C-alpha atoms as a PDB file:
ATOM      1  CA  MET A   1       0.039   0.112   0.144  1.00  0.00           C
ATOM      2  CA  GLY A   2       2.919   2.196  -0.053  1.00  0.00           C
ATOM      3  CA  VAL A   3       3.396   2.667   3.798  1.00  0.00           C
ATOM      4  CA  ILE A   4       6.759   0.789   3.776  1.00  0.00           C
ATOM      5  CA  GLY A   5       9.165   1.569   1.087  1.00  0.00           C
ATOM      6  CA  SER A   6       9.818  -1.176  -1.663  1.00  0.00           C
ATOM      7  CA  ARG A   7      12.206  -1.960  -4.589  1.00  0.00           C
ATOM      8  CA  GLY A   8      11.616  -2.830  -8.109  1.00  0.00           C
ATOM      9  CA  THR A   9       8.488  -1.971 -10.080  1.00  0.00           C
ATOM     10  CA  LEU A  10       5.037  -1.508  -8.793  1.00  0.00           C
ATOM     11  CA  GLN A  11       2.136  -1.365 -11.325  1.00  0.00           C
ATOM     12  CA  PHE A  12      -1.575  -1.314 -10.789  1.00  0.00           C
ATOM     13  CA  ASP A  13      -3.780  -1.596 -13.762  1.00  0.00           C
ATOM     14  CA  GLY A  14      -0.877  -1.035 -16.181  1.00  0.00           C
ATOM     15  CA  GLU A  15       0.222   2.324 -14.512  1.00  0.00           C
ATOM     16  CA  ASP A  16       3.514   2.644 -12.491  1.00  0.00           C
ATOM     17  CA  ILE A  17       2.420   3.555  -8.879  1.00  0.00           C
ATOM     18  CA  ALA A  18       5.707   3.347  -7.065  1.00  0.00           C
ATOM     19  CA  ALA A  19       5.466   6.976  -6.238  1.00  0.00           C
ATOM     20  CA  VAL A  20       1.832   7.188  -5.748  1.00  0.00           C
ATOM     21  CA  PRO A  21       0.913   8.135  -2.272  1.00  0.00           C
ATOM     22  CA  LEU A  22      -1.165   5.898  -0.074  1.00  0.00           C
ATOM     23  CA  GLU A  23      -4.309   7.939  -0.090  1.00  0.00           C
ATOM     24  CA  GLU A  24      -4.236   8.002  -4.063  1.00  0.00           C
ATOM     25  CA  ARG A  25      -4.013   4.216  -4.040  1.00  0.00           C
ATOM     26  CA  VAL A  26      -7.053   3.924  -2.072  1.00  0.00           C
ATOM     27  CA  MET A  27      -8.903   6.054  -4.117  1.00  0.00           C
ATOM     28  CA  ALA A  28      -7.667   4.076  -7.212  1.00  0.00           C
ATOM     29  CA  GLY A  29      -9.365   1.136  -5.758  1.00  0.00           C
ATOM     30  CA  MET A  30      -6.670  -0.782  -3.716  1.00  0.00           C
ATOM     31  CA  ALA A  31      -7.764  -1.999  -0.217  1.00  0.00           C
ATOM     32  CA  LEU A  32      -5.766  -3.993   2.389  1.00  0.00           C
ATOM     33  CA  VAL A  33      -6.534  -6.096   5.263  1.00  0.00           C
ATOM     34  CA  PRO A  34      -3.588  -6.213   7.357  1.00  0.00           C
ATOM     35  CA  GLU A  35      -2.211  -9.166   9.198  1.00  0.00           C
ATOM     36  CA  ARG A  36      -3.171  -7.668  12.583  1.00  0.00           C
ATOM     37  CA  ARG A  37      -6.540  -6.440  11.306  1.00  0.00           C
ATOM     38  CA  GLU A  38      -5.953  -2.844  12.777  1.00  0.00           C
ATOM     39  CA  LEU A  39      -9.402  -2.263  13.789  1.00  0.00           C
ATOM     40  CA  PHE A  40     -10.506   0.605  15.906  1.00  0.00           C
ATOM     41  CA  ALA A  41     -11.407  -1.434  19.146  1.00  0.00           C
ATOM     42  CA  THR A  42     -13.089   1.239  21.002  1.00  0.00           C
ATOM     43  CA  MET A  43     -15.471   1.845  18.194  1.00  0.00           C
ATOM     44  CA  ALA A  44     -18.748  -0.116  17.222  1.00  0.00           C
ATOM     45  CA  VAL A  45     -18.671  -2.742  14.360  1.00  0.00           C
ATOM     46  CA  GLN A  46     -20.897  -0.488  12.416  1.00  0.00           C
ATOM     47  CA  ASP A  47     -18.721   2.424  12.923  1.00  0.00           C
ATOM     48  CA  ASN A  48     -15.659   0.470  11.798  1.00  0.00           C
ATOM     49  CA  LEU A  49     -17.506  -0.491   8.737  1.00  0.00           C
ATOM     50  CA  VAL A  50     -18.628   3.052   7.868  1.00  0.00           C
ATOM     51  CA  LEU A  51     -15.013   4.300   8.098  1.00  0.00           C
ATOM     52  CA  GLY A  52     -14.355   1.549   5.438  1.00  0.00           C
ATOM     53  CA  ALA A  53     -16.508   3.555   2.894  1.00  0.00           C
ATOM     54  CA  PHE A  54     -14.258   6.563   2.758  1.00  0.00           C
ATOM     55  CA  ARG A  55     -13.496   6.049  -0.827  1.00  0.00           C
ATOM     56  CA  GLN A  56     -17.049   5.805  -1.825  1.00  0.00           C
ATOM     57  CA  VAL A  57     -18.116   9.010  -0.025  1.00  0.00           C
ATOM     58  CA  ARG A  58     -15.001  10.663  -1.605  1.00  0.00           C
ATOM     59  CA  LEU A  59     -16.135   9.578  -5.109  1.00  0.00           C
ATOM     60  CA  GLY A  60     -19.483  11.095  -4.511  1.00  0.00           C
ATOM     61  CA  ASN A  61     -21.505   7.785  -4.239  1.00  0.00           C
ATOM     62  CA  ARG A  62     -24.491   8.623  -2.435  1.00  0.00           C
ATOM     63  CA  ARG A  63     -25.649   5.193  -2.046  1.00  0.00           C
ATOM     64  CA  TRP A  64     -22.618   4.132  -0.305  1.00  0.00           C
ATOM     65  CA  ARG A  65     -24.714   2.969   2.885  1.00  0.00           C
ATOM     66  CA  ASP A  66     -26.148   0.297   0.754  1.00  0.00           C
ATOM     67  CA  ARG A  67     -22.866  -1.394   0.901  1.00  0.00           C
ATOM     68  CA  LEU A  68     -23.488  -1.940   4.815  1.00  0.00           C
ATOM     69  CA  ASP A  69     -26.437  -4.398   3.631  1.00  0.00           C
ATOM     70  CA  ASP A  70     -24.002  -6.362   1.283  1.00  0.00           C
ATOM     71  CA  VAL A  71     -21.258  -6.796   3.941  1.00  0.00           C
ATOM     72  CA  TYR A  72     -23.897  -7.855   6.462  1.00  0.00           C
ATOM     73  CA  ALA A  73     -25.220 -10.363   3.898  1.00  0.00           C
ATOM     74  CA  ILE A  74     -21.687 -11.801   3.620  1.00  0.00           C
ATOM     75  CA  PHE A  75     -21.063 -11.694   7.301  1.00  0.00           C
ATOM     76  CA  PRO A  76     -24.329 -12.151   9.166  1.00  0.00           C
ATOM     77  CA  ARG A  77     -22.469 -12.380  12.581  1.00  0.00           C
ATOM     78  CA  LEU A  78     -21.528  -8.589  11.958  1.00  0.00           C
ATOM     79  CA  ALA A  79     -25.123  -7.684  11.456  1.00  0.00           C
ATOM     80  CA  GLU A  80     -25.899  -9.391  14.866  1.00  0.00           C
ATOM     81  CA  ARG A  81     -23.084  -7.497  16.652  1.00  0.00           C
ATOM     82  CA  ARG A  82     -23.190  -4.048  14.794  1.00  0.00           C
ATOM     83  CA  THR A  83     -23.523  -2.073  17.939  1.00  0.00           C
ATOM     84  CA  GLN A  84     -20.728  -4.181  19.880  1.00  0.00           C
ATOM     85  CA  LEU A  85     -17.175  -2.649  20.396  1.00  0.00           C
ATOM     86  CA  ALA A  86     -14.825  -4.098  17.870  1.00  0.00           C
ATOM     87  CA  GLY A  87     -12.297  -4.861  20.596  1.00  0.00           C
ATOM     88  CA  THR A  88     -14.584  -7.483  22.227  1.00  0.00           C
ATOM     89  CA  LEU A  89     -15.202  -9.483  19.206  1.00  0.00           C
ATOM     90  CA  SER A  90     -13.614 -13.088  18.731  1.00  0.00           C
ATOM     91  CA  GLY A  91     -10.646 -13.453  16.570  1.00  0.00           C
ATOM     92  CA  GLY A  92     -12.747 -14.573  13.751  1.00  0.00           C
ATOM     93  CA  GLU A  93     -15.267 -11.935  14.108  1.00  0.00           C
ATOM     94  CA  ARG A  94     -12.464  -9.567  14.013  1.00  0.00           C
ATOM     95  CA  GLN A  95     -11.065 -10.761  10.696  1.00  0.00           C
ATOM     96  CA  MET A  96     -14.665 -10.788   9.209  1.00  0.00           C
ATOM     97  CA  LEU A  97     -14.859  -7.158  10.243  1.00  0.00           C
ATOM     98  CA  ALA A  98     -11.444  -6.236   8.813  1.00  0.00           C
ATOM     99  CA  VAL A  99     -12.277  -7.760   5.442  1.00  0.00           C
ATOM    100  CA  GLY A 100     -16.072  -6.234   5.755  1.00  0.00           C
ATOM    101  CA  ARG A 101     -14.463  -2.795   6.308  1.00  0.00           C
ATOM    102  CA  ALA A 102     -12.274  -3.334   3.086  1.00  0.00           C
ATOM    103  CA  LEU A 103     -15.261  -4.265   1.028  1.00  0.00           C
ATOM    104  CA  MET A 104     -17.056  -1.259   2.093  1.00  0.00           C
ATOM    105  CA  SER A 105     -14.755   0.692  -0.404  1.00  0.00           C
ATOM    106  CA  ARG A 106     -15.786  -1.418  -3.357  1.00  0.00           C
ATOM    107  CA  PRO A 107     -12.328  -2.220  -4.137  1.00  0.00           C
ATOM    108  CA  ARG A 108     -10.720  -3.357  -7.319  1.00  0.00           C
ATOM    109  CA  LEU A 109      -7.988  -5.060  -5.806  1.00  0.00           C
ATOM    110  CA  LEU A 110      -8.396  -6.416  -2.271  1.00  0.00           C
ATOM    111  CA  MET A 111      -5.083  -7.543  -0.486  1.00  0.00           C
ATOM    112  CA  LEU A 112      -5.438  -9.981   2.317  1.00  0.00           C
ATOM    113  CA  ASP A 113      -2.247 -10.480   4.360  1.00  0.00           C
ATOM    114  CA  GLU A 114      -2.460 -13.754   6.362  1.00  0.00           C
ATOM    115  CA  PRO A 115      -6.037 -13.990   6.854  1.00  0.00           C
ATOM    116  CA  SER A 116      -6.066 -17.293   8.700  1.00  0.00           C
ATOM    117  CA  LEU A 117      -3.456 -16.302  11.352  1.00  0.00           C
ATOM    118  CA  GLY A 118      -4.312 -17.265  14.719  1.00  0.00           C
ATOM    119  CA  LEU A 119      -7.812 -18.477  14.096  1.00  0.00           C
ATOM    120  CA  ALA A 120      -9.434 -21.690  14.916  1.00  0.00           C
ATOM    121  CA  PRO A 121      -9.751 -24.399  12.000  1.00  0.00           C
ATOM    122  CA  LEU A 122     -13.543 -23.954  11.637  1.00  0.00           C
ATOM    123  CA  VAL A 123     -13.111 -20.129  11.463  1.00  0.00           C
ATOM    124  CA  VAL A 124     -10.455 -20.650   8.826  1.00  0.00           C
ATOM    125  CA  ARG A 125     -12.582 -22.813   6.748  1.00  0.00           C
ATOM    126  CA  GLU A 126     -15.343 -19.885   6.811  1.00  0.00           C
ATOM    127  CA  ILE A 127     -13.025 -17.304   5.961  1.00  0.00           C
ATOM    128  CA  PHE A 128     -11.703 -19.114   2.971  1.00  0.00           C
ATOM    129  CA  LEU A 129     -15.040 -19.829   1.853  1.00  0.00           C
ATOM    130  CA  THR A 130     -15.880 -16.222   2.018  1.00  0.00           C
ATOM    131  CA  ILE A 131     -12.615 -15.554   0.001  1.00  0.00           C
ATOM    132  CA  GLU A 132     -13.919 -18.034  -2.785  1.00  0.00           C
ATOM    133  CA  SER A 133     -17.219 -16.407  -2.719  1.00  0.00           C
ATOM    134  CA  LEU A 134     -15.786 -12.826  -3.043  1.00  0.00           C
ATOM    135  CA  ARG A 135     -13.886 -14.068  -6.478  1.00  0.00           C
ATOM    136  CA  SER A 136     -17.434 -14.014  -8.284  1.00  0.00           C
ATOM    137  CA  THR A 137     -18.123 -10.405  -7.390  1.00  0.00           C
ATOM    138  CA  GLY A 138     -15.444  -9.332  -9.723  1.00  0.00           C
ATOM    139  CA  VAL A 139     -12.891  -7.946  -7.073  1.00  0.00           C
ATOM    140  CA  THR A 140      -9.398  -9.212  -7.839  1.00  0.00           C
ATOM    141  CA  ILE A 141      -7.722 -10.719  -4.753  1.00  0.00           C
ATOM    142  CA  LEU A 142      -4.234 -10.706  -3.620  1.00  0.00           C
ATOM    143  CA  LEU A 143      -3.810 -13.338  -0.912  1.00  0.00           C
ATOM    144  CA  VAL A 144      -0.670 -13.671   1.127  1.00  0.00           C
ATOM    145  CA  GLU A 145      -1.024 -16.731   3.281  1.00  0.00           C
ATOM    146  CA  GLN A 146       1.146 -19.501   4.747  1.00  0.00           C
ATOM    147  CA  ASN A 147      -1.581 -22.153   4.713  1.00  0.00           C
ATOM    148  CA  ALA A 148      -0.665 -23.277   1.276  1.00  0.00           C
ATOM    149  CA  ARG A 149      -3.384 -25.876   1.052  1.00  0.00           C
ATOM    150  CA  ALA A 150      -6.286 -23.434   1.672  1.00  0.00           C
ATOM    151  CA  ALA A 151      -4.507 -20.684  -0.356  1.00  0.00           C
ATOM    152  CA  LEU A 152      -4.229 -22.931  -3.561  1.00  0.00           C
ATOM    153  CA  GLN A 153      -7.659 -24.212  -3.127  1.00  0.00           C
ATOM    154  CA  VAL A 154      -9.096 -20.755  -3.560  1.00  0.00           C
ATOM    155  CA  ALA A 155      -6.395 -19.181  -5.925  1.00  0.00           C
ATOM    156  CA  ASP A 156      -6.349 -19.055  -9.732  1.00  0.00           C
ATOM    157  CA  HIS A 157      -2.663 -18.312  -9.839  1.00  0.00           C
ATOM    158  CA  GLY A 158      -0.005 -18.929  -7.074  1.00  0.00           C
ATOM    159  CA  TYR A 159       3.551 -17.975  -6.307  1.00  0.00           C
ATOM    160  CA  VAL A 160       5.569 -19.597  -3.818  1.00  0.00           C
ATOM    161  CA  LEU A 161       8.370 -17.502  -2.233  1.00  0.00           C
ATOM    162  CA  GLU A 162      11.308 -18.617  -0.494  1.00  0.00           C
ATOM    163  CA  MET A 163      13.665 -16.148   1.219  1.00  0.00           C
ATOM    164  CA  GLY A 164      11.959 -13.216  -0.479  1.00  0.00           C
ATOM    165  CA  GLU A 165      12.431 -14.806  -3.907  1.00  0.00           C
ATOM    166  CA  PHE A 166      10.037 -16.402  -6.396  1.00  0.00           C
ATOM    167  CA  ALA A 167      10.727 -20.136  -6.255  1.00  0.00           C
ATOM    168  CA  LEU A 168       7.620 -21.433  -8.083  1.00  0.00           C
ATOM    169  CA  GLN A 169       4.740 -19.835 -10.006  1.00  0.00           C
ATOM    170  CA  GLY A 170       1.757 -20.974 -12.052  1.00  0.00           C
ATOM    171  CA  PRO A 171      -1.769 -21.849 -12.011  1.00  0.00           C
ATOM    172  CA  ALA A 172      -2.726 -22.891  -8.354  1.00  0.00           C
ATOM    173  CA  ALA A 173      -4.070 -26.397  -9.640  1.00  0.00           C
ATOM    174  CA  GLU A 174      -0.768 -27.196 -10.940  1.00  0.00           C
ATOM    175  CA  LEU A 175       1.119 -25.950  -8.116  1.00  0.00           C
ATOM    176  CA  ALA A 176      -0.967 -28.040  -5.615  1.00  0.00           C
ATOM    177  CA  LEU A 177       0.062 -31.166  -7.578  1.00  0.00           C
ATOM    178  CA  ASP A 178       3.879 -30.108  -7.912  1.00  0.00           C
ATOM    179  CA  PRO A 179       5.943 -32.833  -6.065  1.00  0.00           C
ATOM    180  CA  ARG A 180       8.212 -29.821  -4.322  1.00  0.00           C
ATOM    181  CA  VAL A 181       5.034 -28.170  -3.102  1.00  0.00           C
ATOM    182  CA  ILE A 182       3.476 -31.311  -1.828  1.00  0.00           C
ATOM    183  CA  ASP A 183       6.593 -32.165   0.225  1.00  0.00           C
ATOM    184  CA  THR A 184       7.665 -28.745   1.359  1.00  0.00           C
ATOM    185  CA  TYR A 185       4.344 -26.968   1.891  1.00  0.00           C
ATOM    186  CA  LEU A 186       1.316 -29.269   2.038  1.00  0.00           C
ATOM    187  CA  GLY A 187       2.708 -31.725   4.494  1.00  0.00           C
ATOM    188  CA  ALA A 188       1.522 -34.795   2.541  1.00  0.00           C
ATOM    189  CA  ALA A 189       3.354 -37.618   1.044  1.00  0.00           C
ATOM    190  CA  ARG A 190       3.644 -37.401  -2.928  1.00  0.00           C
ATOM    191  CA  PRO A 191       1.300 -39.815  -4.608  1.00  0.00           C
ATOM    192  CA  ALA A 192       3.129 -43.028  -5.671  1.00  0.00           C
ATOM    193  CA  ALA A 193       3.952 -43.168  -9.327  1.00  0.00           C
ATOM    194  CA  ALA A 194       1.566 -45.436 -11.187  1.00  0.00           C
ATOM    195  CA  HIS A 195       3.055 -48.531 -12.844  1.00  0.00           C
END
């Protein structure tokens, strides 16, 4: 998002954005859900969501509040807790709120940094089902995730990083069958060769 400096090229929609300030990146349609969620703990769930609509308000979209209904439809638990303080939510609910807040901006690119970090397996499954359903809404998703199995199940294309360098890349379905990925990242034995 530009908060921390980077090297190399950085393009969004074919344009070089390396020198573009954070606020302009948000206005261009980029949204980030950081690893630590970064919610406003002393504010209610709905107030956190409304803050996420900043881009829509700045763009003059008078119907931005309709997006609340969309987010509540995706995450019904947030609707139930709309007046509850964000700091009192469970870990899974906080992740839902962080994703919901990002979705309020109607992003063109949604970046998710370790969305399963520290969550119970059932909640992780729910989060990844949500990620999968978001694909059909037209938003592009950039997912950084250590849970390789879950990530490759929802991704179209994957990149495997080792020591900050690309080690492998390709269609997610092919990476999921790659012997190196299976041995190193999926924790499962490679299927025996057919004779």
